[in-house]
Every structure is written in structure tokens, then in C-alpha cells.
Amino acid sequence: MDPVGKPAKNIQPFILCDFDRRLGRDMFAAIAGPSIATLAAVFEHSDEEEILHECIEALFSIARIAQYGLEDTLDELLCSFCKFTTLLNPYASAEETLYAFSHDIKPKMAMMAVFTIANTFKDSIEAAGEPSSSAC
């Protein structure tokens, strides 16, 4: 009996299902894009170094999963964080780029993350054929 006086229902705690690993892959592919966009937004708007480090760690976690056949997710990840490096700004002079790197931690962290991910997961990126990262 429950507190109201009605008989309590007996509910099973779990529903057993035939899990297929493709379901996990499809689910990750569905949430990867919004996750990368969220990380990029947090990275862009945060000034706390600890939060920036957490964003970079989350990027590495996404890349570790995406290396298994989700090359488009790796490309999206790299493209999203290339904009923070300030290296792709065609209007910036060498002095402006040096100033950004010496006075702001974000470009340095983003550059290290992009190059570390590209170097660590180069086989997965190369397996995708022509990289779409050039479209960044």
C-alpha cells in the first residue's frame, strides 16, 4: 500500500532490449554536431582558464570517439576550432597575430588542440579522402 491507501504497482526497473552498436554510433553522430557547437560557444565566451581546459578535454573526447568512422565529425570539430587560432584571418598582419598569441591564451590553446587532434587522428582524417577542412 502506498501512502494514499491505493495498492502500489509493481514496476520493472529496466526494459531489456537487443542493443545494437550501430544505435550508439547513430546516436553519437546525432549529438556530436550540437556538442561541438556548444563547446565552441563556451570556449568563445569563457575567460576562465579552467573552463577553457575542460572544453579542450571535451574536444579530445569527441575526437577519440569520432575516429571510428565519423570523419565528418572530426572535420567539423577541426573547422569549429580553427577560427579561434587567428591563423586563418587573411586581414591580420603578422604583428597582430603575434600580439594575439602573446596576450591571449585562447588562440594558443585552440592551435595546440587543432594540431594535436589533426596529428593524433590523422589516419582517420586521411581515410575520409579529400578533407573538407580546407573549407574552414
C-alpha atoms as a PDB file:
ATOM      1  CA  MET A   1       0.000   0.000   0.000  1.00  0.00           C
ATOM      2  CA  ASP A   2       1.247   3.470  -0.828  1.00  0.00           C
ATOM      3  CA  PRO A   3       0.693   6.483   1.482  1.00  0.00           C
ATOM      4  CA  VAL A   4      -2.661   7.327  -0.163  1.00  0.00           C
ATOM      5  CA  GLY A   5      -4.019   3.871   0.538  1.00  0.00           C
ATOM      6  CA  LYS A   6      -4.027   2.515  -3.004  1.00  0.00           C
ATOM      7  CA  PRO A   7      -2.222  -0.701  -3.827  1.00  0.00           C
ATOM      8  CA  ALA A   8       1.269   0.021  -5.205  1.00  0.00           C
ATOM      9  CA  LYS A   9       2.088  -1.095  -8.730  1.00  0.00           C
ATOM     10  CA  ASN A  10       4.935  -3.480  -9.268  1.00  0.00           C
ATOM     11  CA  ILE A  11       7.155  -1.899 -11.975  1.00  0.00           C
ATOM     12  CA  GLN A  12      10.197  -3.459 -13.584  1.00  0.00           C
ATOM     13  CA  PRO A  13      13.268  -1.197 -13.192  1.00  0.00           C
ATOM     14  CA  PHE A  14      14.717  -1.834 -16.665  1.00  0.00           C
ATOM     15  CA  ILE A  15      13.435  -2.701 -20.079  1.00  0.00           C
ATOM     16  CA  LEU A  16      15.625  -5.247 -21.765  1.00  0.00           C
ATOM     17  CA  CYS A  17      16.277  -4.675 -25.428  1.00  0.00           C
ATOM     18  CA  ASP A  18      18.511  -6.097 -28.095  1.00  0.00           C
ATOM     19  CA  PHE A  19      21.212  -3.416 -28.194  1.00  0.00           C
ATOM     20  CA  ASP A  20      22.959  -2.920 -31.489  1.00  0.00           C
ATOM     21  CA  ARG A  21      26.239  -0.973 -31.514  1.00  0.00           C
ATOM     22  CA  ARG A  22      25.062   0.895 -34.593  1.00  0.00           C
ATOM     23  CA  LEU A  23      22.466   2.561 -32.414  1.00  0.00           C
ATOM     24  CA  GLY A  24      25.233   4.082 -30.284  1.00  0.00           C
ATOM     25  CA  ARG A  25      27.082   5.236 -33.392  1.00  0.00           C
ATOM     26  CA  ASP A  26      23.975   6.837 -34.866  1.00  0.00           C
ATOM     27  CA  MET A  27      23.128   8.465 -31.567  1.00  0.00           C
ATOM     28  CA  PHE A  28      26.643   9.872 -31.206  1.00  0.00           C
ATOM     29  CA  ALA A  29      26.538  11.158 -34.787  1.00  0.00           C
ATOM     30  CA  ALA A  30      23.256  12.905 -33.992  1.00  0.00           C
ATOM     31  CA  ILE A  31      24.538  14.672 -30.872  1.00  0.00           C
ATOM     32  CA  ALA A  32      28.118  15.350 -31.999  1.00  0.00           C
ATOM     33  CA  GLY A  33      27.308  18.459 -34.038  1.00  0.00           C
ATOM     34  CA  PRO A  34      25.365  20.238 -31.288  1.00  0.00           C
ATOM     35  CA  SER A  35      28.010  19.157 -28.758  1.00  0.00           C
ATOM     36  CA  ILE A  36      30.803  20.684 -30.836  1.00  0.00           C
ATOM     37  CA  ALA A  37      28.788  23.876 -31.326  1.00  0.00           C
ATOM     38  CA  THR A  38      28.198  24.097 -27.572  1.00  0.00           C
ATOM     39  CA  LEU A  39      31.883  23.567 -26.804  1.00  0.00           C
ATOM     40  CA  ALA A  40      32.845  26.244 -29.329  1.00  0.00           C
ATOM     41  CA  ALA A  41      30.370  28.705 -27.789  1.00  0.00           C
ATOM     42  CA  VAL A  42      31.598  28.016 -24.248  1.00  0.00           C
ATOM     43  CA  PHE A  43      35.218  28.307 -25.406  1.00  0.00           C
ATOM     44  CA  GLU A  44      34.478  31.597 -27.159  1.00  0.00           C
ATOM     45  CA  HIS A  45      32.671  33.252 -24.255  1.00  0.00           C
ATOM     46  CA  SER A  46      34.726  31.997 -21.332  1.00  0.00           C
ATOM     47  CA  ASP A  47      37.741  33.726 -19.870  1.00  0.00           C
ATOM     48  CA  GLU A  48      38.451  31.226 -17.103  1.00  0.00           C
ATOM     49  CA  GLU A  49      41.422  29.041 -17.918  1.00  0.00           C
ATOM     50  CA  GLU A  50      39.959  26.003 -16.161  1.00  0.00           C
ATOM     51  CA  ILE A  51      36.813  26.106 -18.309  1.00  0.00           C
ATOM     52  CA  LEU A  52      38.927  26.504 -21.449  1.00  0.00           C
ATOM     53  CA  HIS A  53      40.920  23.406 -20.468  1.00  0.00           C
ATOM     54  CA  GLU A  54      37.676  21.473 -19.897  1.00  0.00           C
ATOM     55  CA  CYS A  55      36.497  22.452 -23.400  1.00  0.00           C
ATOM     56  CA  ILE A  56      39.751  21.199 -24.910  1.00  0.00           C
ATOM     57  CA  GLU A  57      39.477  17.921 -22.986  1.00  0.00           C
ATOM     58  CA  ALA A  58      35.915  17.503 -24.234  1.00  0.00           C
ATOM     59  CA  LEU A  59      37.160  18.088 -27.804  1.00  0.00           C
ATOM     60  CA  PHE A  60      39.703  15.318 -27.378  1.00  0.00           C
ATOM     61  CA  SER A  61      36.978  13.024 -26.052  1.00  0.00           C
ATOM     62  CA  ILE A  62      34.775  13.699 -29.068  1.00  0.00           C
ATOM     63  CA  ALA A  63      37.721  13.144 -31.406  1.00  0.00           C
ATOM     64  CA  ARG A  64      38.553   9.815 -29.733  1.00  0.00           C
ATOM     65  CA  ILE A  65      35.049   8.563 -30.456  1.00  0.00           C
ATOM     66  CA  ALA A  66      34.755  10.167 -33.901  1.00  0.00           C
ATOM     67  CA  GLN A  67      37.926   8.489 -35.165  1.00  0.00           C
ATOM     68  CA  TYR A  68      35.935   5.291 -35.681  1.00  0.00           C
ATOM     69  CA  GLY A  69      34.227   6.090 -38.963  1.00  0.00           C
ATOM     70  CA  LEU A  70      32.855   9.550 -38.207  1.00  0.00           C
ATOM     71  CA  GLU A  71      35.338  11.575 -40.229  1.00  0.00           C
ATOM     72  CA  ASP A  72      32.810  14.316 -40.934  1.00  0.00           C
ATOM     73  CA  THR A  73      32.580  14.902 -37.190  1.00  0.00           C
ATOM     74  CA  LEU A  74      36.375  15.226 -36.990  1.00  0.00           C
ATOM     75  CA  ASP A  75      36.287  17.739 -39.836  1.00  0.00           C
ATOM     76  CA  GLU A  76      33.537  19.716 -38.112  1.00  0.00           C
ATOM     77  CA  LEU A  77      35.499  19.687 -34.873  1.00  0.00           C
ATOM     78  CA  LEU A  78      38.650  20.970 -36.543  1.00  0.00           C
ATOM     79  CA  CYS A  79      36.793  23.622 -38.517  1.00  0.00           C
ATOM     80  CA  SER A  80      34.960  24.859 -35.441  1.00  0.00           C
ATOM     81  CA  PHE A  81      38.159  25.430 -33.503  1.00  0.00           C
ATOM     82  CA  CYS A  82      40.342  26.711 -36.350  1.00  0.00           C
ATOM     83  CA  LYS A  83      38.576  30.060 -36.099  1.00  0.00           C
ATOM     84  CA  PHE A  84      39.965  30.563 -32.591  1.00  0.00           C
ATOM     85  CA  THR A  85      43.583  30.177 -33.712  1.00  0.00           C
ATOM     86  CA  THR A  86      43.558  33.545 -35.551  1.00  0.00           C
ATOM     87  CA  LEU A  87      45.766  31.905 -38.177  1.00  0.00           C
ATOM     88  CA  LEU A  88      43.015  31.918 -40.797  1.00  0.00           C
ATOM     89  CA  ASN A  89      42.408  35.662 -40.716  1.00  0.00           C
ATOM     90  CA  PRO A  90      43.654  36.945 -44.085  1.00  0.00           C
ATOM     91  CA  TYR A  91      43.390  40.572 -42.933  1.00  0.00           C
ATOM     92  CA  ALA A  92      45.578  40.205 -39.850  1.00  0.00           C
ATOM     93  CA  SER A  93      49.172  41.248 -40.127  1.00  0.00           C
ATOM     94  CA  ALA A  94      51.988  39.190 -38.663  1.00  0.00           C
ATOM     95  CA  GLU A  95      52.268  41.685 -35.794  1.00  0.00           C
ATOM     96  CA  GLU A  96      48.567  41.356 -34.967  1.00  0.00           C
ATOM     97  CA  THR A  97      48.798  37.571 -34.967  1.00  0.00           C
ATOM     98  CA  LEU A  98      51.872  37.663 -32.716  1.00  0.00           C
ATOM     99  CA  TYR A  99      50.112  40.080 -30.382  1.00  0.00           C
ATOM    100  CA  ALA A 100      47.063  37.792 -30.170  1.00  0.00           C
ATOM    101  CA  PHE A 101      49.239  34.785 -29.361  1.00  0.00           C
ATOM    102  CA  SER A 102      51.270  36.593 -26.733  1.00  0.00           C
ATOM    103  CA  HIS A 103      48.372  38.283 -24.934  1.00  0.00           C
ATOM    104  CA  ASP A 104      45.511  35.792 -25.170  1.00  0.00           C
ATOM    105  CA  ILE A 105      45.508  32.159 -24.116  1.00  0.00           C
ATOM    106  CA  LYS A 106      42.602  31.122 -26.364  1.00  0.00           C
ATOM    107  CA  PRO A 107      44.480  31.242 -29.689  1.00  0.00           C
ATOM    108  CA  LYS A 108      47.370  29.262 -28.213  1.00  0.00           C
ATOM    109  CA  MET A 109      45.095  26.631 -26.699  1.00  0.00           C
ATOM    110  CA  ALA A 110      42.995  26.351 -29.846  1.00  0.00           C
ATOM    111  CA  MET A 111      46.066  25.994 -32.054  1.00  0.00           C
ATOM    112  CA  MET A 112      47.563  23.308 -29.840  1.00  0.00           C
ATOM    113  CA  ALA A 113      44.240  21.451 -29.746  1.00  0.00           C
ATOM    114  CA  VAL A 114      43.675  21.623 -33.513  1.00  0.00           C
ATOM    115  CA  PHE A 115      47.182  20.451 -34.357  1.00  0.00           C
ATOM    116  CA  THR A 116      47.170  17.761 -31.657  1.00  0.00           C
ATOM    117  CA  ILE A 117      43.842  16.371 -32.886  1.00  0.00           C
ATOM    118  CA  ALA A 118      44.938  16.562 -36.528  1.00  0.00           C
ATOM    119  CA  ASN A 119      48.218  14.807 -35.743  1.00  0.00           C
ATOM    120  CA  THR A 120      46.785  12.196 -33.386  1.00  0.00           C
ATOM    121  CA  PHE A 121      43.862  11.231 -35.611  1.00  0.00           C
ATOM    122  CA  LYS A 122      45.490  11.842 -38.997  1.00  0.00           C
ATOM    123  CA  ASP A 123      44.742   8.305 -40.192  1.00  0.00           C
ATOM    124  CA  SER A 124      41.019   8.809 -39.638  1.00  0.00           C
ATOM    125  CA  ILE A 125      41.092  12.216 -41.291  1.00  0.00           C
ATOM    126  CA  GLU A 126      43.046  10.891 -44.275  1.00  0.00           C
ATOM    127  CA  ALA A 127      40.684   7.905 -44.574  1.00  0.00           C
ATOM    128  CA  ALA A 128      37.882  10.298 -45.426  1.00  0.00           C
ATOM    129  CA  GLY A 129      39.574  11.142 -48.714  1.00  0.00           C
ATOM    130  CA  GLU A 130      39.826  14.816 -49.601  1.00  0.00           C
ATOM    131  CA  PRO A 131      39.481  16.753 -46.365  1.00  0.00           C
ATOM    132  CA  SER A 132      36.683  19.244 -46.135  1.00  0.00           C
ATOM    133  CA  SER A 133      38.728  21.080 -43.502  1.00  0.00           C
ATOM    134  CA  SER A 134      40.066  23.265 -46.286  1.00  0.00           C
ATOM    135  CA  ALA A 135      36.595  24.824 -46.383  1.00  0.00           C
ATOM    136  CA  CYS A 136      37.175  26.346 -42.934  1.00  0.00           C
END
